[in-house]
Amino acid sequence: MYEITDAGRTELAKWFATPVARESRPRDELAIKLALALAVPGVDVSAVVQHQRMSTMQSLQELTRLKRNSTEAEISWQLVIESMIFGAEAEIRWLDHCEAMLLRHRGTPRAVPQTYAVPEEQETRS
């Protein structure tokens, strides 16, 4: 049988007393994906947002089902599930915000990146 050492208890106490820094969390792949979707010509950013929203809603429904089926004695499990539920809800709110921003900025011309510049022969026709 294993038992925690005094040094281990000290380290554990320090770990519990230290807040988790937001910067230390992994990169936000969804934010990166949406930023790149806006920068790459031909990508339907609204479709990317909608696909993500549907996926997140499905996850939220599954998490809600898991929470509903847990017992009050499983408080550790409930805390983990609720953290995941709150994260999914926040993601949906953020996606709603992204969609609203896209609608407000629709029609605003984007600068054409150098790599996608208009060929010279089309420029001389005017």
N, C-alpha and C. Protein backbone atom coordinates (compact mmCIF):
# COMPACT_ATOMS: atom_id res chain seq x y z
N MET A 1 0.84 -1.17 0.00
CA MET A 1 0.00 0.00 0.00
C MET A 1 0.90 1.25 0.00
N TYR A 2 0.49 2.26 -0.73
CA TYR A 2 1.25 3.49 -0.85
C TYR A 2 0.77 4.51 0.18
N GLU A 3 1.68 5.37 0.59
CA GLU A 3 1.35 6.41 1.55
C GLU A 3 2.13 7.67 1.17
N ILE A 4 1.49 8.83 1.28
CA ILE A 4 2.15 10.09 0.94
C ILE A 4 3.19 10.43 2.00
N THR A 5 4.32 10.93 1.55
CA THR A 5 5.41 11.30 2.47
C THR A 5 5.17 12.70 3.02
N ASP A 6 5.94 13.08 4.01
CA ASP A 6 5.85 14.45 4.55
C ASP A 6 6.21 15.47 3.48
N ALA A 7 7.24 15.17 2.70
CA ALA A 7 7.62 16.08 1.61
C ALA A 7 6.50 16.16 0.58
N GLY A 8 5.85 15.04 0.32
CA GLY A 8 4.73 15.02 -0.61
C GLY A 8 3.56 15.84 -0.09
N ARG A 9 3.27 15.75 1.20
CA ARG A 9 2.20 16.55 1.81
C ARG A 9 2.51 18.05 1.68
N THR A 10 3.77 18.41 1.88
CA THR A 10 4.19 19.81 1.76
C THR A 10 3.97 20.30 0.33
N GLU A 11 4.41 19.52 -0.64
CA GLU A 11 4.23 19.89 -2.06
C GLU A 11 2.75 19.97 -2.41
N LEU A 12 1.96 19.04 -1.92
CA LEU A 12 0.53 19.04 -2.19
C LEU A 12 -0.13 20.28 -1.60
N ALA A 13 0.25 20.65 -0.39
CA ALA A 13 -0.29 21.85 0.25
C ALA A 13 0.07 23.10 -0.55
N LYS A 14 1.31 23.17 -1.05
CA LYS A 14 1.72 24.31 -1.88
C LYS A 14 0.92 24.34 -3.18
N TRP A 15 0.69 23.17 -3.77
CA TRP A 15 -0.07 23.09 -5.02
C TRP A 15 -1.49 23.58 -4.81
N PHE A 16 -2.14 23.15 -3.72
CA PHE A 16 -3.50 23.60 -3.43
C PHE A 16 -3.56 25.10 -3.16
N ALA A 17 -2.51 25.66 -2.58
CA ALA A 17 -2.49 27.08 -2.22
C ALA A 17 -2.13 27.99 -3.39
N THR A 18 -1.68 27.42 -4.51
CA THR A 18 -1.25 28.21 -5.66
C THR A 18 -2.35 28.27 -6.71
N PRO A 19 -2.82 29.49 -7.06
CA PRO A 19 -3.85 29.59 -8.10
C PRO A 19 -3.30 29.10 -9.45
N VAL A 20 -4.19 28.60 -10.28
CA VAL A 20 -3.83 28.16 -11.62
C VAL A 20 -3.83 29.40 -12.51
N ALA A 21 -2.70 29.72 -13.11
CA ALA A 21 -2.59 30.89 -13.98
C ALA A 21 -3.28 30.63 -15.32
N ARG A 22 -4.02 31.58 -15.79
CA ARG A 22 -4.71 31.43 -17.09
C ARG A 22 -3.70 31.25 -18.21
N GLU A 23 -2.52 31.89 -18.10
CA GLU A 23 -1.52 31.77 -19.16
C GLU A 23 -0.95 30.37 -19.26
N SER A 24 -1.05 29.59 -18.22
CA SER A 24 -0.43 28.27 -18.24
C SER A 24 -1.32 27.22 -18.88
N ARG A 25 -2.51 27.60 -19.25
CA ARG A 25 -3.43 26.64 -19.87
C ARG A 25 -3.06 26.48 -21.34
N PRO A 26 -3.43 25.35 -21.94
CA PRO A 26 -3.09 25.12 -23.35
C PRO A 26 -3.69 26.19 -24.27
N ARG A 27 -3.15 26.26 -25.46
CA ARG A 27 -3.63 27.25 -26.44
C ARG A 27 -5.11 27.02 -26.74
N ASP A 28 -5.79 28.06 -27.15
CA ASP A 28 -7.22 27.97 -27.46
C ASP A 28 -7.36 27.72 -28.96
N GLU A 29 -7.47 26.46 -29.32
CA GLU A 29 -7.50 26.09 -30.73
C GLU A 29 -8.69 26.69 -31.46
N LEU A 30 -9.83 26.81 -30.79
CA LEU A 30 -11.01 27.39 -31.44
C LEU A 30 -10.79 28.85 -31.80
N ALA A 31 -10.23 29.63 -30.89
CA ALA A 31 -9.96 31.04 -31.18
C ALA A 31 -8.97 31.16 -32.33
N ILE A 32 -7.97 30.30 -32.34
CA ILE A 32 -6.98 30.31 -33.42
C ILE A 32 -7.65 29.93 -34.74
N LYS A 33 -8.52 28.91 -34.71
CA LYS A 33 -9.21 28.47 -35.93
C LYS A 33 -10.06 29.60 -36.51
N LEU A 34 -10.81 30.30 -35.66
CA LEU A 34 -11.67 31.37 -36.16
C LEU A 34 -10.85 32.55 -36.69
N ALA A 35 -9.77 32.88 -36.00
CA ALA A 35 -8.91 33.96 -36.48
C ALA A 35 -8.32 33.62 -37.85
N LEU A 36 -7.88 32.39 -38.01
CA LEU A 36 -7.32 31.98 -39.31
C LEU A 36 -8.40 31.88 -40.38
N ALA A 37 -9.60 31.45 -40.00
CA ALA A 37 -10.70 31.36 -40.97
C ALA A 37 -11.02 32.74 -41.53
N LEU A 38 -10.88 33.77 -40.70
CA LEU A 38 -11.11 35.13 -41.18
C LEU A 38 -10.01 35.59 -42.13
N ALA A 39 -8.83 35.07 -41.96
CA ALA A 39 -7.68 35.51 -42.76
C ALA A 39 -7.53 34.73 -44.06
N VAL A 40 -8.12 33.55 -44.15
CA VAL A 40 -7.96 32.71 -45.34
C VAL A 40 -9.15 32.92 -46.28
N PRO A 41 -8.88 33.38 -47.51
CA PRO A 41 -9.97 33.59 -48.47
C PRO A 41 -10.72 32.29 -48.77
N GLY A 42 -12.02 32.42 -48.94
CA GLY A 42 -12.84 31.28 -49.33
C GLY A 42 -13.37 30.45 -48.17
N VAL A 43 -13.03 30.79 -46.94
CA VAL A 43 -13.53 30.04 -45.79
C VAL A 43 -14.83 30.68 -45.32
N ASP A 44 -15.87 29.87 -45.17
CA ASP A 44 -17.16 30.35 -44.66
C ASP A 44 -17.07 30.35 -43.13
N VAL A 45 -16.71 31.49 -42.58
CA VAL A 45 -16.50 31.59 -41.13
C VAL A 45 -17.81 31.32 -40.38
N SER A 46 -18.92 31.78 -40.93
CA SER A 46 -20.21 31.53 -40.28
C SER A 46 -20.48 30.03 -40.18
N ALA A 47 -20.11 29.27 -41.19
CA ALA A 47 -20.30 27.82 -41.15
C ALA A 47 -19.40 27.19 -40.08
N VAL A 48 -18.17 27.71 -39.96
CA VAL A 48 -17.26 27.20 -38.93
C VAL A 48 -17.88 27.43 -37.55
N VAL A 49 -18.43 28.63 -37.34
CA VAL A 49 -19.07 28.97 -36.07
C VAL A 49 -20.26 28.05 -35.82
N GLN A 50 -21.09 27.85 -36.84
CA GLN A 50 -22.29 27.01 -36.68
C GLN A 50 -21.93 25.55 -36.37
N HIS A 51 -20.93 25.02 -37.06
CA HIS A 51 -20.52 23.63 -36.80
C HIS A 51 -20.02 23.49 -35.36
N GLN A 52 -19.25 24.47 -34.92
CA GLN A 52 -18.74 24.43 -33.55
C GLN A 52 -19.88 24.54 -32.54
N ARG A 53 -20.83 25.44 -32.82
CA ARG A 53 -21.97 25.61 -31.91
C ARG A 53 -22.75 24.31 -31.78
N MET A 54 -23.01 23.63 -32.90
CA MET A 54 -23.75 22.37 -32.85
C MET A 54 -22.99 21.32 -32.03
N SER A 55 -21.69 21.23 -32.24
CA SER A 55 -20.88 20.27 -31.51
C SER A 55 -20.88 20.58 -30.01
N THR A 56 -20.73 21.84 -29.68
CA THR A 56 -20.70 22.24 -28.27
C THR A 56 -22.06 22.01 -27.62
N MET A 57 -23.13 22.26 -28.35
CA MET A 57 -24.48 22.01 -27.81
C MET A 57 -24.67 20.51 -27.53
N GLN A 58 -24.19 19.66 -28.43
CA GLN A 58 -24.29 18.22 -28.19
C GLN A 58 -23.50 17.83 -26.95
N SER A 59 -22.31 18.38 -26.79
CA SER A 59 -21.51 18.10 -25.59
C SER A 59 -22.22 18.58 -24.34
N LEU A 60 -22.81 19.76 -24.42
CA LEU A 60 -23.53 20.32 -23.28
C LEU A 60 -24.71 19.43 -22.89
N GLN A 61 -25.42 18.91 -23.87
CA GLN A 61 -26.54 18.00 -23.58
C GLN A 61 -26.06 16.73 -22.90
N GLU A 62 -24.94 16.18 -23.37
CA GLU A 62 -24.38 14.97 -22.77
C GLU A 62 -23.91 15.23 -21.34
N LEU A 63 -23.24 16.36 -21.13
CA LEU A 63 -22.79 16.71 -19.78
C LEU A 63 -23.96 16.91 -18.83
N THR A 64 -25.02 17.54 -19.32
CA THR A 64 -26.22 17.74 -18.50
C THR A 64 -26.85 16.41 -18.13
N ARG A 65 -26.85 15.47 -19.07
CA ARG A 65 -27.38 14.13 -18.78
C ARG A 65 -26.53 13.45 -17.71
N LEU A 66 -25.20 13.56 -17.83
CA LEU A 66 -24.31 12.96 -16.83
C LEU A 66 -24.54 13.58 -15.45
N LYS A 67 -24.72 14.88 -15.41
CA LYS A 67 -24.97 15.55 -14.14
C LYS A 67 -26.28 15.08 -13.53
N ARG A 68 -27.30 14.98 -14.35
CA ARG A 68 -28.62 14.55 -13.88
C ARG A 68 -28.58 13.13 -13.31
N ASN A 69 -27.73 12.28 -13.90
CA ASN A 69 -27.65 10.88 -13.46
C ASN A 69 -26.67 10.66 -12.31
N SER A 70 -25.98 11.71 -11.87
CA SER A 70 -25.04 11.54 -10.76
C SER A 70 -25.79 11.70 -9.43
N THR A 71 -25.18 11.21 -8.39
CA THR A 71 -25.81 11.31 -7.07
C THR A 71 -25.14 12.43 -6.27
N GLU A 72 -25.83 12.91 -5.25
CA GLU A 72 -25.28 13.98 -4.42
C GLU A 72 -24.01 13.54 -3.71
N ALA A 73 -23.83 12.25 -3.50
CA ALA A 73 -22.64 11.74 -2.83
C ALA A 73 -21.40 11.88 -3.71
N GLU A 74 -21.60 12.08 -5.01
CA GLU A 74 -20.49 12.20 -5.96
C GLU A 74 -20.11 13.66 -6.18
N ILE A 75 -19.87 14.38 -5.10
CA ILE A 75 -19.62 15.83 -5.21
C ILE A 75 -18.38 16.14 -6.04
N SER A 76 -17.33 15.33 -5.94
CA SER A 76 -16.12 15.57 -6.75
C SER A 76 -16.46 15.48 -8.23
N TRP A 77 -17.20 14.45 -8.60
CA TRP A 77 -17.60 14.25 -10.00
C TRP A 77 -18.50 15.38 -10.45
N GLN A 78 -19.44 15.82 -9.59
CA GLN A 78 -20.33 16.91 -9.95
C GLN A 78 -19.56 18.21 -10.19
N LEU A 79 -18.53 18.48 -9.38
CA LEU A 79 -17.73 19.69 -9.59
C LEU A 79 -17.04 19.66 -10.95
N VAL A 80 -16.51 18.50 -11.31
CA VAL A 80 -15.83 18.37 -12.61
C VAL A 80 -16.84 18.56 -13.74
N ILE A 81 -17.98 17.90 -13.65
CA ILE A 81 -19.01 18.03 -14.69
C ILE A 81 -19.49 19.47 -14.80
N GLU A 82 -19.73 20.12 -13.67
CA GLU A 82 -20.21 21.50 -13.71
C GLU A 82 -19.17 22.44 -14.30
N SER A 83 -17.90 22.20 -14.03
CA SER A 83 -16.85 23.00 -14.66
C SER A 83 -16.92 22.85 -16.18
N MET A 84 -17.12 21.63 -16.63
CA MET A 84 -17.21 21.39 -18.07
C MET A 84 -18.48 22.00 -18.65
N ILE A 85 -19.58 21.97 -17.92
CA ILE A 85 -20.84 22.59 -18.36
C ILE A 85 -20.66 24.09 -18.48
N PHE A 86 -20.07 24.72 -17.45
CA PHE A 86 -19.86 26.16 -17.50
C PHE A 86 -18.93 26.54 -18.65
N GLY A 87 -17.92 25.73 -18.91
CA GLY A 87 -17.03 25.98 -20.04
C GLY A 87 -17.76 25.91 -21.37
N ALA A 88 -18.63 24.91 -21.52
CA ALA A 88 -19.42 24.77 -22.76
C ALA A 88 -20.38 25.94 -22.93
N GLU A 89 -21.03 26.34 -21.83
CA GLU A 89 -21.93 27.49 -21.90
C GLU A 89 -21.19 28.76 -22.28
N ALA A 90 -20.02 28.94 -21.70
CA ALA A 90 -19.21 30.12 -22.04
C ALA A 90 -18.80 30.09 -23.50
N GLU A 91 -18.44 28.90 -24.01
CA GLU A 91 -18.07 28.80 -25.42
C GLU A 91 -19.23 29.17 -26.33
N ILE A 92 -20.44 28.73 -25.98
CA ILE A 92 -21.62 29.06 -26.79
C ILE A 92 -21.86 30.57 -26.76
N ARG A 93 -21.72 31.18 -25.59
CA ARG A 93 -21.89 32.65 -25.50
C ARG A 93 -20.84 33.35 -26.36
N TRP A 94 -19.60 32.86 -26.31
CA TRP A 94 -18.54 33.46 -27.11
C TRP A 94 -18.81 33.29 -28.61
N LEU A 95 -19.31 32.12 -29.00
CA LEU A 95 -19.65 31.89 -30.41
C LEU A 95 -20.77 32.83 -30.85
N ASP A 96 -21.76 33.06 -29.97
CA ASP A 96 -22.82 34.03 -30.27
C ASP A 96 -22.22 35.42 -30.49
N HIS A 97 -21.27 35.77 -29.63
CA HIS A 97 -20.58 37.06 -29.76
C HIS A 97 -19.82 37.14 -31.09
N CYS A 98 -19.12 36.07 -31.44
CA CYS A 98 -18.38 36.03 -32.71
C CYS A 98 -19.32 36.22 -33.88
N GLU A 99 -20.44 35.52 -33.83
CA GLU A 99 -21.41 35.63 -34.93
C GLU A 99 -21.95 37.05 -35.04
N ALA A 100 -22.23 37.69 -33.91
CA ALA A 100 -22.72 39.07 -33.93
C ALA A 100 -21.67 40.00 -34.52
N MET A 101 -20.40 39.79 -34.15
CA MET A 101 -19.33 40.61 -34.72
C MET A 101 -19.22 40.40 -36.22
N LEU A 102 -19.34 39.15 -36.67
CA LEU A 102 -19.28 38.88 -38.11
C LEU A 102 -20.41 39.59 -38.86
N LEU A 103 -21.60 39.58 -38.28
CA LEU A 103 -22.74 40.25 -38.92
C LEU A 103 -22.52 41.76 -38.99
N ARG A 104 -21.97 42.35 -37.92
CA ARG A 104 -21.70 43.79 -37.91
C ARG A 104 -20.65 44.17 -38.93
N HIS A 105 -19.68 43.30 -39.13
CA HIS A 105 -18.56 43.62 -40.03
C HIS A 105 -18.74 43.07 -41.44
N ARG A 106 -19.84 42.39 -41.68
CA ARG A 106 -20.08 41.85 -43.02
C ARG A 106 -20.22 43.02 -43.99
N GLY A 107 -19.60 42.91 -45.10
CA GLY A 107 -19.65 43.99 -46.07
C GLY A 107 -18.49 44.96 -45.93
N THR A 108 -17.79 44.90 -44.81
CA THR A 108 -16.59 45.73 -44.66
C THR A 108 -15.48 45.07 -45.45
N PRO A 109 -14.93 45.76 -46.44
CA PRO A 109 -13.90 45.12 -47.26
C PRO A 109 -12.65 44.80 -46.43
N ARG A 110 -12.11 43.62 -46.68
CA ARG A 110 -10.86 43.21 -46.04
C ARG A 110 -9.71 43.56 -46.96
N ALA A 111 -8.59 43.87 -46.35
CA ALA A 111 -7.38 44.10 -47.14
C ALA A 111 -6.96 42.78 -47.77
N VAL A 112 -6.58 42.83 -49.04
CA VAL A 112 -6.15 41.63 -49.73
C VAL A 112 -4.69 41.36 -49.38
N PRO A 113 -4.39 40.18 -48.80
CA PRO A 113 -2.99 39.88 -48.47
C PRO A 113 -2.13 39.87 -49.72
N GLN A 114 -0.87 40.19 -49.60
CA GLN A 114 0.06 40.23 -50.73
C GLN A 114 0.05 38.93 -51.51
N THR A 115 -0.05 37.80 -50.84
CA THR A 115 0.01 36.52 -51.54
C THR A 115 -1.23 36.29 -52.42
N TYR A 116 -2.27 37.09 -52.21
CA TYR A 116 -3.49 36.93 -52.99
C TYR A 116 -3.77 38.18 -53.81
N ALA A 117 -2.74 38.91 -54.18
CA ALA A 117 -2.89 40.15 -54.94
C ALA A 117 -3.47 39.85 -56.32
N VAL A 118 -4.15 40.84 -56.89
CA VAL A 118 -4.76 40.71 -58.21
C VAL A 118 -3.63 40.62 -59.25
N PRO A 119 -3.71 39.69 -60.20
CA PRO A 119 -2.66 39.58 -61.22
C PRO A 119 -2.56 40.87 -62.04
N GLU A 120 -1.37 41.17 -62.53
CA GLU A 120 -1.09 42.42 -63.24
C GLU A 120 -1.98 42.62 -64.46
N GLU A 121 -2.24 41.58 -65.23
CA GLU A 121 -3.03 41.76 -66.44
C GLU A 121 -4.44 42.22 -66.17
N GLN A 122 -5.03 41.87 -65.02
CA GLN A 122 -6.37 42.34 -64.68
C GLN A 122 -6.33 43.79 -64.22
N GLU A 123 -5.25 44.24 -63.62
CA GLU A 123 -5.13 45.61 -63.14
C GLU A 123 -5.06 46.59 -64.30
N THR A 124 -4.50 46.21 -65.46
CA THR A 124 -4.29 47.14 -66.56
C THR A 124 -5.54 47.33 -67.40
N ARG A 125 -6.60 46.60 -67.19
CA ARG A 125 -7.82 46.69 -68.01
C ARG A 125 -8.63 47.94 -67.69
N SER A 126 -8.45 48.59 -66.61
CA SER A 126 -9.30 49.72 -66.24
C SER A 126 -8.95 50.99 -66.93
